[in-house]
Amino acid sequence: MMPEINMVAATANQTVDPQGREKAILTGANVIMPNLTPNEFRENYLIYPDKACVKDKPDECHSCLDLRLAAIGHKVLYNAWGDSVAFTKKHL
């Protein structure tokens, strides 16, 4: 319905369903949210119970996301600009 906006596949999706981020990508999400908060600070950001990936190290998160997305035929575009098409059109 809104192909020019960014839709996020976040750890919240994975907390609700072990395949939640993959399902979000397959149903239209186009941004995936890694958990890059340093481990010693993650306990301060537990905004909901049983948050996924809390114990993963940031470098593990990268390889995990690469593997998870590859399994569904997608890949992480590292260093790609992340503004939505709608935002870019508005600011040209």
C-alpha atoms as a PDB file:
ATOM      1  CA  MET A   1       0.000   0.000   0.000  1.00  0.00           C
ATOM      2  CA  MET A   2       2.882   2.396   0.731  1.00  0.00           C
ATOM      3  CA  PRO A   3       5.875   1.201  -1.334  1.00  0.00           C
ATOM      4  CA  GLU A   4       7.935   4.358  -0.809  1.00  0.00           C
ATOM      5  CA  ILE A   5       8.241   4.199   2.994  1.00  0.00           C
ATOM      6  CA  ASN A   6      10.609   2.253   5.223  1.00  0.00           C
ATOM      7  CA  MET A   7       9.030  -0.613   7.137  1.00  0.00           C
ATOM      8  CA  VAL A   8      11.112  -2.114   9.929  1.00  0.00           C
ATOM      9  CA  ALA A   9      11.753  -5.745  10.820  1.00  0.00           C
ATOM     10  CA  ALA A  10      12.834  -5.346  14.459  1.00  0.00           C
ATOM     11  CA  THR A  11      13.855  -7.585  17.333  1.00  0.00           C
ATOM     12  CA  ALA A  12      10.276  -7.192  18.594  1.00  0.00           C
ATOM     13  CA  ASN A  13       9.122  -9.230  15.587  1.00  0.00           C
ATOM     14  CA  GLN A  14      11.608 -11.964  16.490  1.00  0.00           C
ATOM     15  CA  THR A  15      10.592 -11.860  20.147  1.00  0.00           C
ATOM     16  CA  VAL A  16       6.983 -12.649  19.211  1.00  0.00           C
ATOM     17  CA  ASP A  17       7.980 -15.317  16.675  1.00  0.00           C
ATOM     18  CA  PRO A  18      11.433 -16.946  16.243  1.00  0.00           C
ATOM     19  CA  GLN A  19      11.130 -16.228  12.494  1.00  0.00           C
ATOM     20  CA  GLY A  20       9.544 -12.815  13.046  1.00  0.00           C
ATOM     21  CA  ARG A  21      12.105 -10.636  11.288  1.00  0.00           C
ATOM     22  CA  GLU A  22      12.194 -12.958   8.297  1.00  0.00           C
ATOM     23  CA  LYS A  23       8.393 -12.961   8.116  1.00  0.00           C
ATOM     24  CA  ALA A  24       8.382  -9.166   8.320  1.00  0.00           C
ATOM     25  CA  ILE A  25      10.841  -8.916   5.400  1.00  0.00           C
ATOM     26  CA  LEU A  26       8.816 -11.417   3.362  1.00  0.00           C
ATOM     27  CA  THR A  27       5.635  -9.408   3.936  1.00  0.00           C
ATOM     28  CA  GLY A  28       7.004  -5.995   2.994  1.00  0.00           C
ATOM     29  CA  ALA A  29       9.492  -4.734   5.573  1.00  0.00           C
ATOM     30  CA  ASN A  30      12.577  -3.309   3.887  1.00  0.00           C
ATOM     31  CA  VAL A  31      14.769  -2.343   6.870  1.00  0.00           C
ATOM     32  CA  ILE A  32      16.145  -4.773   9.423  1.00  0.00           C
ATOM     33  CA  MET A  33      17.114  -3.590  12.877  1.00  0.00           C
ATOM     34  CA  PRO A  34      20.208  -5.242  14.344  1.00  0.00           C
ATOM     35  CA  ASN A  35      20.918  -4.988  18.055  1.00  0.00           C
ATOM     36  CA  LEU A  36      24.264  -3.172  18.139  1.00  0.00           C
ATOM     37  CA  THR A  37      24.029  -1.858  21.690  1.00  0.00           C
ATOM     38  CA  PRO A  38      27.168  -2.894  23.604  1.00  0.00           C
ATOM     39  CA  ASN A  39      26.345  -5.901  25.777  1.00  0.00           C
ATOM     40  CA  GLU A  40      27.074  -4.149  29.069  1.00  0.00           C
ATOM     41  CA  PHE A  41      24.289  -1.617  28.341  1.00  0.00           C
ATOM     42  CA  ARG A  42      21.591  -3.897  26.918  1.00  0.00           C
ATOM     43  CA  GLU A  43      19.918  -4.510  30.256  1.00  0.00           C
ATOM     44  CA  ASN A  44      19.113  -0.770  30.283  1.00  0.00           C
ATOM     45  CA  TYR A  45      17.083  -1.082  27.069  1.00  0.00           C
ATOM     46  CA  LEU A  46      14.784  -4.002  27.838  1.00  0.00           C
ATOM     47  CA  ILE A  47      11.533  -2.284  26.899  1.00  0.00           C
ATOM     48  CA  TYR A  48       9.576  -5.549  26.703  1.00  0.00           C
ATOM     49  CA  PRO A  49      10.034  -9.011  28.277  1.00  0.00           C
ATOM     50  CA  ASP A  50      12.067 -11.778  26.623  1.00  0.00           C
ATOM     51  CA  LYS A  51      13.595  -9.449  24.013  1.00  0.00           C
ATOM     52  CA  ALA A  52      15.398 -11.424  21.296  1.00  0.00           C
ATOM     53  CA  CYS A  53      19.153 -11.226  20.773  1.00  0.00           C
ATOM     54  CA  VAL A  54      19.921  -9.645  24.166  1.00  0.00           C
ATOM     55  CA  LYS A  55      22.890 -11.948  24.797  1.00  0.00           C
ATOM     56  CA  ASP A  56      24.299 -11.832  21.254  1.00  0.00           C
ATOM     57  CA  LYS A  57      27.498  -9.867  20.711  1.00  0.00           C
ATOM     58  CA  PRO A  58      27.275  -7.149  18.025  1.00  0.00           C
ATOM     59  CA  ASP A  59      29.570  -9.052  15.635  1.00  0.00           C
ATOM     60  CA  GLU A  60      27.429 -12.173  16.102  1.00  0.00           C
ATOM     61  CA  CYS A  61      24.390 -10.107  15.173  1.00  0.00           C
ATOM     62  CA  HIS A  62      25.889  -9.214  11.789  1.00  0.00           C
ATOM     63  CA  SER A  63      26.681 -12.807  10.834  1.00  0.00           C
ATOM     64  CA  CYS A  64      23.345 -14.015  12.231  1.00  0.00           C
ATOM     65  CA  LEU A  65      21.390 -11.494  10.158  1.00  0.00           C
ATOM     66  CA  ASP A  66      23.409 -12.359   7.053  1.00  0.00           C
ATOM     67  CA  LEU A  67      22.548 -16.048   7.486  1.00  0.00           C
ATOM     68  CA  ARG A  68      18.893 -15.448   8.383  1.00  0.00           C
ATOM     69  CA  LEU A  69      18.311 -13.213   5.368  1.00  0.00           C
ATOM     70  CA  ALA A  70      20.238 -15.475   2.993  1.00  0.00           C
ATOM     71  CA  ALA A  71      17.937 -18.325   4.054  1.00  0.00           C
ATOM     72  CA  ILE A  72      14.966 -16.375   2.648  1.00  0.00           C
ATOM     73  CA  GLY A  73      16.750 -15.153  -0.488  1.00  0.00           C
ATOM     74  CA  HIS A  74      17.675 -11.665   0.740  1.00  0.00           C
ATOM     75  CA  LYS A  75      20.891  -9.956   1.802  1.00  0.00           C
ATOM     76  CA  VAL A  76      21.958  -7.130   4.073  1.00  0.00           C
ATOM     77  CA  LEU A  77      23.079  -4.066   2.122  1.00  0.00           C
ATOM     78  CA  TYR A  78      25.838  -2.785   4.360  1.00  0.00           C
ATOM     79  CA  ASN A  79      26.687   0.895   3.979  1.00  0.00           C
ATOM     80  CA  ALA A  80      23.585   1.534   1.872  1.00  0.00           C
ATOM     81  CA  TRP A  81      21.822   4.843   2.404  1.00  0.00           C
ATOM     82  CA  GLY A  82      18.656   4.247   4.394  1.00  0.00           C
ATOM     83  CA  ASP A  83      16.337   7.158   3.649  1.00  0.00           C
ATOM     84  CA  SER A  84      12.959   6.105   2.326  1.00  0.00           C
ATOM     85  CA  VAL A  85      12.014   6.892  -1.263  1.00  0.00           C
ATOM     86  CA  ALA A  86       9.282   9.207   0.066  1.00  0.00           C
ATOM     87  CA  PHE A  87      11.784  11.166   2.190  1.00  0.00           C
ATOM     88  CA  THR A  88      14.260  11.437  -0.684  1.00  0.00           C
ATOM     89  CA  LYS A  89      11.587  12.710  -3.094  1.00  0.00           C
ATOM     90  CA  LYS A  90      10.435  15.293  -0.554  1.00  0.00           C
ATOM     91  CA  HIS A  91      13.963  16.660  -0.056  1.00  0.00           C
ATOM     92  CA  LEU A  92      15.235  16.802  -3.639  1.00  0.00           C
END
